[in-house]
Amino acid sequence: MILAGALGSLVHTVRSVYWYVGNRQLKWSCVVKYILQPFAGSALAMIFYVVIRGGFFSPQTTPENTSPFGFAALAAMVGLFSEQAVLKLKKVAETVLEPPAAGADATQQEEGSSSPPDGTTKVDTQ
């Protein structure tokens, strides 16, 4: 799961860097994000694996009765679409737990927002 999540994040990172370099909009301040993205994707894939395995499968289900390819595909998708995965995990958590109170400077990430391929938003500097 960890390797599949890292692979998905790596594909996401390469696609995003390619897009920004091609459009001559790469900001060097985002390079750290691109370096850390595979690690975040790996961790997120593992979290999703535990949530899916623990929530949708009986405790008596053995690993032999599950498809490792299905879990690997899910992990790769979580790594590839990590921003969307975090939003979905947030919805699940808000269903089970009470949402926190918003602070004075809070900004909310929303599903379906128009943004470049890596989920960041463009800042208008005019």
N, C-alpha and C. Protein backbone atom coordinates (compact mmCIF):
# COMPACT_ATOMS: atom_id res chain seq x y z
N MET A 1 0.82 -1.19 0.00
CA MET A 1 0.00 0.00 0.00
C MET A 1 0.87 1.26 0.00
N ILE A 2 1.93 1.20 0.80
CA ILE A 2 2.82 2.36 0.89
C ILE A 2 3.47 2.65 -0.46
N LEU A 3 3.96 1.60 -1.13
CA LEU A 3 4.61 1.80 -2.42
C LEU A 3 3.62 2.26 -3.49
N ALA A 4 2.41 1.72 -3.48
CA ALA A 4 1.41 2.15 -4.45
C ALA A 4 1.00 3.60 -4.21
N GLY A 5 0.87 4.01 -2.96
CA GLY A 5 0.56 5.40 -2.64
C GLY A 5 1.68 6.33 -3.08
N ALA A 6 2.93 5.90 -2.86
CA ALA A 6 4.08 6.70 -3.29
C ALA A 6 4.12 6.82 -4.81
N LEU A 7 3.82 5.73 -5.52
CA LEU A 7 3.81 5.75 -6.98
C LEU A 7 2.74 6.71 -7.50
N GLY A 8 1.56 6.65 -6.93
CA GLY A 8 0.50 7.58 -7.34
C GLY A 8 0.89 9.02 -7.08
N SER A 9 1.49 9.29 -5.93
CA SER A 9 1.93 10.66 -5.63
C SER A 9 3.05 11.11 -6.55
N LEU A 10 3.93 10.19 -6.91
CA LEU A 10 5.01 10.52 -7.81
C LEU A 10 4.48 10.89 -9.19
N VAL A 11 3.48 10.15 -9.67
CA VAL A 11 2.85 10.48 -10.94
C VAL A 11 2.20 11.86 -10.86
N HIS A 12 1.52 12.13 -9.76
CA HIS A 12 0.89 13.44 -9.55
C HIS A 12 1.94 14.55 -9.57
N THR A 13 3.05 14.33 -8.88
CA THR A 13 4.11 15.33 -8.79
C THR A 13 4.73 15.59 -10.16
N VAL A 14 5.05 14.53 -10.89
CA VAL A 14 5.65 14.70 -12.22
C VAL A 14 4.70 15.45 -13.14
N ARG A 15 3.42 15.09 -13.10
CA ARG A 15 2.42 15.77 -13.93
C ARG A 15 2.30 17.25 -13.57
N SER A 16 2.32 17.55 -12.28
CA SER A 16 2.20 18.94 -11.83
C SER A 16 3.43 19.77 -12.19
N VAL A 17 4.62 19.21 -11.94
CA VAL A 17 5.85 19.93 -12.29
C VAL A 17 5.90 20.16 -13.79
N TYR A 18 5.54 19.14 -14.56
CA TYR A 18 5.50 19.27 -16.02
C TYR A 18 4.58 20.41 -16.44
N TRP A 19 3.40 20.50 -15.82
CA TRP A 19 2.43 21.54 -16.17
C TRP A 19 2.99 22.92 -15.84
N TYR A 20 3.55 23.08 -14.65
CA TYR A 20 4.05 24.39 -14.24
C TYR A 20 5.30 24.80 -15.02
N VAL A 21 6.21 23.87 -15.28
CA VAL A 21 7.40 24.21 -16.06
C VAL A 21 6.99 24.55 -17.49
N GLY A 22 6.07 23.77 -18.05
CA GLY A 22 5.59 24.02 -19.42
C GLY A 22 4.92 25.37 -19.57
N ASN A 23 4.26 25.83 -18.54
CA ASN A 23 3.59 27.14 -18.57
C ASN A 23 4.45 28.24 -17.97
N ARG A 24 5.68 27.92 -17.63
CA ARG A 24 6.64 28.87 -17.06
C ARG A 24 6.09 29.56 -15.81
N GLN A 25 5.44 28.76 -14.95
CA GLN A 25 4.86 29.30 -13.71
C GLN A 25 5.38 28.57 -12.47
N LEU A 26 6.46 27.79 -12.62
CA LEU A 26 6.99 27.05 -11.48
C LEU A 26 7.57 28.01 -10.46
N LYS A 27 7.12 27.87 -9.23
CA LYS A 27 7.63 28.68 -8.12
C LYS A 27 8.55 27.78 -7.30
N TRP A 28 9.75 28.22 -7.04
CA TRP A 28 10.72 27.42 -6.30
C TRP A 28 10.26 27.16 -4.87
N SER A 29 9.35 27.96 -4.37
CA SER A 29 8.84 27.72 -3.02
C SER A 29 7.99 26.46 -2.96
N CYS A 30 7.52 25.96 -4.09
CA CYS A 30 6.70 24.74 -4.13
C CYS A 30 7.53 23.48 -4.28
N VAL A 31 8.84 23.61 -4.48
CA VAL A 31 9.68 22.44 -4.69
C VAL A 31 9.66 21.52 -3.47
N VAL A 32 9.63 22.08 -2.27
CA VAL A 32 9.57 21.27 -1.05
C VAL A 32 8.30 20.42 -1.05
N LYS A 33 7.18 20.99 -1.48
CA LYS A 33 5.92 20.24 -1.57
C LYS A 33 6.08 19.06 -2.51
N TYR A 34 6.72 19.29 -3.64
CA TYR A 34 6.89 18.21 -4.61
C TYR A 34 7.82 17.11 -4.07
N ILE A 35 8.80 17.48 -3.28
CA ILE A 35 9.70 16.49 -2.69
C ILE A 35 8.98 15.66 -1.64
N LEU A 36 8.12 16.31 -0.85
CA LEU A 36 7.42 15.63 0.24
C LEU A 36 6.15 14.90 -0.21
N GLN A 37 5.65 15.20 -1.38
CA GLN A 37 4.38 14.64 -1.85
C GLN A 37 4.35 13.10 -1.84
N PRO A 38 5.39 12.41 -2.32
CA PRO A 38 5.33 10.93 -2.26
C PRO A 38 5.24 10.38 -0.83
N PHE A 39 5.87 11.05 0.12
CA PHE A 39 5.77 10.60 1.52
C PHE A 39 4.36 10.81 2.05
N ALA A 40 3.76 11.94 1.72
CA ALA A 40 2.39 12.21 2.14
C ALA A 40 1.42 11.23 1.48
N GLY A 41 1.62 10.96 0.20
CA GLY A 41 0.78 10.00 -0.50
C GLY A 41 0.88 8.61 0.09
N SER A 42 2.09 8.21 0.49
CA SER A 42 2.30 6.89 1.12
C SER A 42 1.53 6.80 2.43
N ALA A 43 1.66 7.81 3.25
CA ALA A 43 0.98 7.82 4.55
C ALA A 43 -0.53 7.84 4.36
N LEU A 44 -1.00 8.65 3.44
CA LEU A 44 -2.43 8.76 3.19
C LEU A 44 -2.98 7.44 2.65
N ALA A 45 -2.23 6.78 1.78
CA ALA A 45 -2.67 5.48 1.25
C ALA A 45 -2.79 4.46 2.37
N MET A 46 -1.86 4.48 3.29
CA MET A 46 -1.92 3.54 4.41
C MET A 46 -3.13 3.83 5.30
N ILE A 47 -3.42 5.11 5.54
CA ILE A 47 -4.59 5.48 6.33
C ILE A 47 -5.87 5.00 5.64
N PHE A 48 -5.98 5.22 4.34
CA PHE A 48 -7.16 4.76 3.60
C PHE A 48 -7.27 3.24 3.64
N TYR A 49 -6.16 2.55 3.54
CA TYR A 49 -6.18 1.09 3.61
C TYR A 49 -6.78 0.64 4.94
N VAL A 50 -6.32 1.24 6.02
CA VAL A 50 -6.82 0.86 7.34
C VAL A 50 -8.30 1.19 7.47
N VAL A 51 -8.72 2.34 6.96
CA VAL A 51 -10.13 2.73 7.03
C VAL A 51 -10.99 1.77 6.21
N ILE A 52 -10.58 1.48 4.99
CA ILE A 52 -11.36 0.59 4.13
C ILE A 52 -11.35 -0.84 4.67
N ARG A 53 -10.19 -1.31 5.03
CA ARG A 53 -10.07 -2.70 5.54
C ARG A 53 -10.84 -2.87 6.84
N GLY A 54 -10.74 -1.90 7.73
CA GLY A 54 -11.43 -1.99 9.01
C GLY A 54 -12.91 -1.71 8.91
N GLY A 55 -13.33 -0.89 7.95
CA GLY A 55 -14.73 -0.49 7.87
C GLY A 55 -15.59 -1.34 6.97
N PHE A 56 -15.02 -1.94 5.93
CA PHE A 56 -15.83 -2.65 4.95
C PHE A 56 -15.66 -4.16 4.96
N PHE A 57 -14.69 -4.65 5.72
CA PHE A 57 -14.44 -6.08 5.73
C PHE A 57 -14.63 -6.63 7.13
N SER A 58 -15.14 -7.82 7.20
CA SER A 58 -15.34 -8.49 8.48
C SER A 58 -13.98 -8.82 9.10
N PRO A 59 -13.88 -8.76 10.43
CA PRO A 59 -12.62 -9.13 11.07
C PRO A 59 -12.20 -10.58 10.79
N GLN A 60 -13.16 -11.42 10.43
CA GLN A 60 -12.84 -12.80 10.11
C GLN A 60 -12.30 -12.98 8.69
N THR A 61 -12.38 -11.92 7.87
CA THR A 61 -11.89 -12.01 6.50
C THR A 61 -10.37 -12.08 6.52
N THR A 62 -9.82 -13.09 5.85
CA THR A 62 -8.37 -13.24 5.80
C THR A 62 -7.82 -12.50 4.60
N PRO A 63 -6.54 -12.17 4.61
CA PRO A 63 -5.93 -11.51 3.44
C PRO A 63 -6.07 -12.34 2.16
N GLU A 64 -6.17 -13.65 2.28
CA GLU A 64 -6.32 -14.50 1.10
C GLU A 64 -7.68 -14.29 0.42
N ASN A 65 -8.66 -13.81 1.19
CA ASN A 65 -10.01 -13.60 0.64
C ASN A 65 -10.18 -12.20 0.06
N THR A 66 -9.16 -11.39 0.09
CA THR A 66 -9.25 -10.03 -0.47
C THR A 66 -8.30 -9.92 -1.66
N SER A 67 -8.55 -8.94 -2.49
CA SER A 67 -7.72 -8.72 -3.67
C SER A 67 -6.63 -7.70 -3.37
N PRO A 68 -5.37 -8.10 -3.40
CA PRO A 68 -4.30 -7.12 -3.19
C PRO A 68 -4.25 -6.09 -4.32
N PHE A 69 -4.71 -6.48 -5.51
CA PHE A 69 -4.72 -5.54 -6.63
C PHE A 69 -5.75 -4.42 -6.40
N GLY A 70 -6.86 -4.77 -5.81
CA GLY A 70 -7.87 -3.75 -5.50
C GLY A 70 -7.35 -2.75 -4.49
N PHE A 71 -6.68 -3.24 -3.45
CA PHE A 71 -6.11 -2.34 -2.45
C PHE A 71 -4.97 -1.51 -3.05
N ALA A 72 -4.15 -2.14 -3.89
CA ALA A 72 -3.05 -1.39 -4.53
C ALA A 72 -3.61 -0.31 -5.45
N ALA A 73 -4.69 -0.61 -6.17
CA ALA A 73 -5.31 0.39 -7.04
C ALA A 73 -5.86 1.55 -6.22
N LEU A 74 -6.51 1.24 -5.11
CA LEU A 74 -7.03 2.29 -4.23
C LEU A 74 -5.88 3.14 -3.69
N ALA A 75 -4.80 2.50 -3.27
CA ALA A 75 -3.65 3.24 -2.73
C ALA A 75 -3.02 4.14 -3.78
N ALA A 76 -2.91 3.65 -5.00
CA ALA A 76 -2.35 4.48 -6.08
C ALA A 76 -3.26 5.67 -6.37
N MET A 77 -4.56 5.44 -6.37
CA MET A 77 -5.49 6.55 -6.62
C MET A 77 -5.44 7.57 -5.49
N VAL A 78 -5.31 7.11 -4.25
CA VAL A 78 -5.20 8.03 -3.12
C VAL A 78 -3.94 8.87 -3.25
N GLY A 79 -2.83 8.24 -3.65
CA GLY A 79 -1.60 8.99 -3.85
C GLY A 79 -1.71 9.97 -5.00
N LEU A 80 -2.35 9.56 -6.08
CA LEU A 80 -2.49 10.41 -7.26
C LEU A 80 -3.42 11.59 -7.01
N PHE A 81 -4.47 11.36 -6.27
CA PHE A 81 -5.46 12.40 -6.00
C PHE A 81 -5.50 12.69 -4.50
N SER A 82 -4.37 13.01 -3.92
CA SER A 82 -4.28 13.15 -2.47
C SER A 82 -5.13 14.28 -1.92
N GLU A 83 -5.25 15.39 -2.64
CA GLU A 83 -6.08 16.49 -2.15
C GLU A 83 -7.53 16.06 -2.04
N GLN A 84 -8.03 15.37 -3.07
CA GLN A 84 -9.40 14.89 -3.04
C GLN A 84 -9.58 13.81 -1.97
N ALA A 85 -8.57 12.98 -1.80
CA ALA A 85 -8.65 11.92 -0.79
C ALA A 85 -8.75 12.52 0.61
N VAL A 86 -7.99 13.58 0.87
CA VAL A 86 -8.06 14.23 2.18
C VAL A 86 -9.45 14.82 2.39
N LEU A 87 -10.03 15.42 1.35
CA LEU A 87 -11.37 15.98 1.49
C LEU A 87 -12.40 14.88 1.79
N LYS A 88 -12.27 13.72 1.14
CA LYS A 88 -13.20 12.61 1.39
C LYS A 88 -13.03 12.07 2.81
N LEU A 89 -11.78 11.94 3.24
CA LEU A 89 -11.51 11.48 4.61
C LEU A 89 -12.05 12.48 5.62
N LYS A 90 -11.98 13.76 5.28
CA LYS A 90 -12.53 14.79 6.16
C LYS A 90 -14.05 14.64 6.29
N LYS A 91 -14.72 14.36 5.16
CA LYS A 91 -16.18 14.16 5.21
C LYS A 91 -16.54 12.96 6.08
N VAL A 92 -15.77 11.88 5.96
CA VAL A 92 -16.02 10.70 6.79
C VAL A 92 -15.83 11.05 8.26
N ALA A 93 -14.75 11.77 8.56
CA ALA A 93 -14.48 12.14 9.95
C ALA A 93 -15.57 13.07 10.49
N GLU A 94 -16.07 13.99 9.66
CA GLU A 94 -17.11 14.91 10.12
C GLU A 94 -18.44 14.19 10.32
N THR A 95 -18.63 13.05 9.67
CA THR A 95 -19.83 12.25 9.89
C THR A 95 -19.76 11.56 11.25
N VAL A 96 -18.57 11.09 11.59
CA VAL A 96 -18.39 10.35 12.83
C VAL A 96 -18.11 11.28 14.01
N LEU A 97 -17.32 12.32 13.77
CA LEU A 97 -16.91 13.24 14.84
C LEU A 97 -17.52 14.61 14.62
N GLU A 98 -17.52 15.42 15.65
CA GLU A 98 -18.02 16.78 15.55
C GLU A 98 -16.97 17.66 14.88
N PRO A 99 -17.36 18.47 13.87
CA PRO A 99 -16.38 19.33 13.21
C PRO A 99 -15.85 20.39 14.17
N PRO A 100 -14.58 20.78 14.03
CA PRO A 100 -14.02 21.80 14.91
C PRO A 100 -14.58 23.18 14.57
N ALA A 101 -14.53 24.07 15.54
CA ALA A 101 -14.96 25.45 15.30
C ALA A 101 -13.94 26.15 14.42
N ALA A 102 -14.40 26.97 13.51
CA ALA A 102 -13.50 27.69 12.60
C ALA A 102 -12.84 28.84 13.34
N GLY A 103 -11.54 29.01 13.09
CA GLY A 103 -10.81 30.12 13.68
C GLY A 103 -11.05 31.40 12.89
N ALA A 104 -10.50 32.50 13.36
CA ALA A 104 -10.70 33.80 12.72
C ALA A 104 -10.10 33.85 11.32
N ASP A 105 -8.96 33.16 11.11
CA ASP A 105 -8.28 33.22 9.82
C ASP A 105 -8.46 31.93 9.02
N ALA A 106 -9.50 31.17 9.30
CA ALA A 106 -9.70 29.89 8.64
C ALA A 106 -10.11 30.07 7.19
N THR A 107 -9.56 29.23 6.34
CA THR A 107 -10.00 29.13 4.95
C THR A 107 -10.34 27.68 4.71
N GLN A 108 -11.40 27.44 3.99
CA GLN A 108 -11.86 26.08 3.78
C GLN A 108 -11.54 25.64 2.36
N GLN A 109 -10.95 24.45 2.25
CA GLN A 109 -10.70 23.85 0.96
C GLN A 109 -11.99 23.19 0.53
N GLU A 110 -12.43 23.47 -0.71
CA GLU A 110 -13.71 22.96 -1.16
C GLU A 110 -13.53 22.01 -2.32
N GLU A 111 -14.43 21.06 -2.41
CA GLU A 111 -14.41 20.11 -3.50
C GLU A 111 -14.86 20.79 -4.77
N GLY A 112 -14.21 20.47 -5.89
CA GLY A 112 -14.62 21.00 -7.17
C GLY A 112 -14.13 22.40 -7.46
N SER A 113 -13.18 22.91 -6.68
CA SER A 113 -12.68 24.25 -6.94
C SER A 113 -11.79 24.23 -8.17
N SER A 114 -11.79 25.32 -8.91
CA SER A 114 -10.98 25.43 -10.10
C SER A 114 -9.55 25.73 -9.71
N SER A 115 -8.62 24.82 -10.03
CA SER A 115 -7.23 25.01 -9.67
C SER A 115 -6.34 24.24 -10.62
N PRO A 116 -5.04 24.55 -10.61
CA PRO A 116 -4.10 23.80 -11.43
C PRO A 116 -4.08 22.33 -11.02
N PRO A 117 -3.41 21.46 -11.79
CA PRO A 117 -3.47 20.03 -11.56
C PRO A 117 -3.03 19.57 -10.18
N ASP A 118 -2.23 20.34 -9.45
CA ASP A 118 -1.75 19.86 -8.16
C ASP A 118 -2.63 20.31 -7.01
N GLY A 119 -3.73 20.99 -7.28
CA GLY A 119 -4.65 21.37 -6.22
C GLY A 119 -4.36 22.72 -5.60
N THR A 120 -3.24 23.37 -5.98
CA THR A 120 -2.95 24.69 -5.44
C THR A 120 -3.80 25.72 -6.17
N THR A 121 -3.94 26.88 -5.60
CA THR A 121 -4.71 27.92 -6.25
C THR A 121 -3.79 29.00 -6.76
N LYS A 122 -4.19 29.60 -7.85
CA LYS A 122 -3.41 30.69 -8.40
C LYS A 122 -3.72 31.97 -7.62
N VAL A 123 -2.70 32.77 -7.38
CA VAL A 123 -2.88 34.03 -6.69
C VAL A 123 -2.72 35.15 -7.72
N ASP A 124 -3.72 36.00 -7.81
CA ASP A 124 -3.68 37.11 -8.75
C ASP A 124 -2.82 38.22 -8.15
N THR A 125 -1.72 38.57 -8.84
CA THR A 125 -0.78 39.55 -8.32
C THR A 125 -0.95 40.91 -8.98
N GLN A 126 -2.06 41.13 -9.64
CA GLN A 126 -2.25 42.42 -10.33
C GLN A 126 -2.75 43.48 -9.40
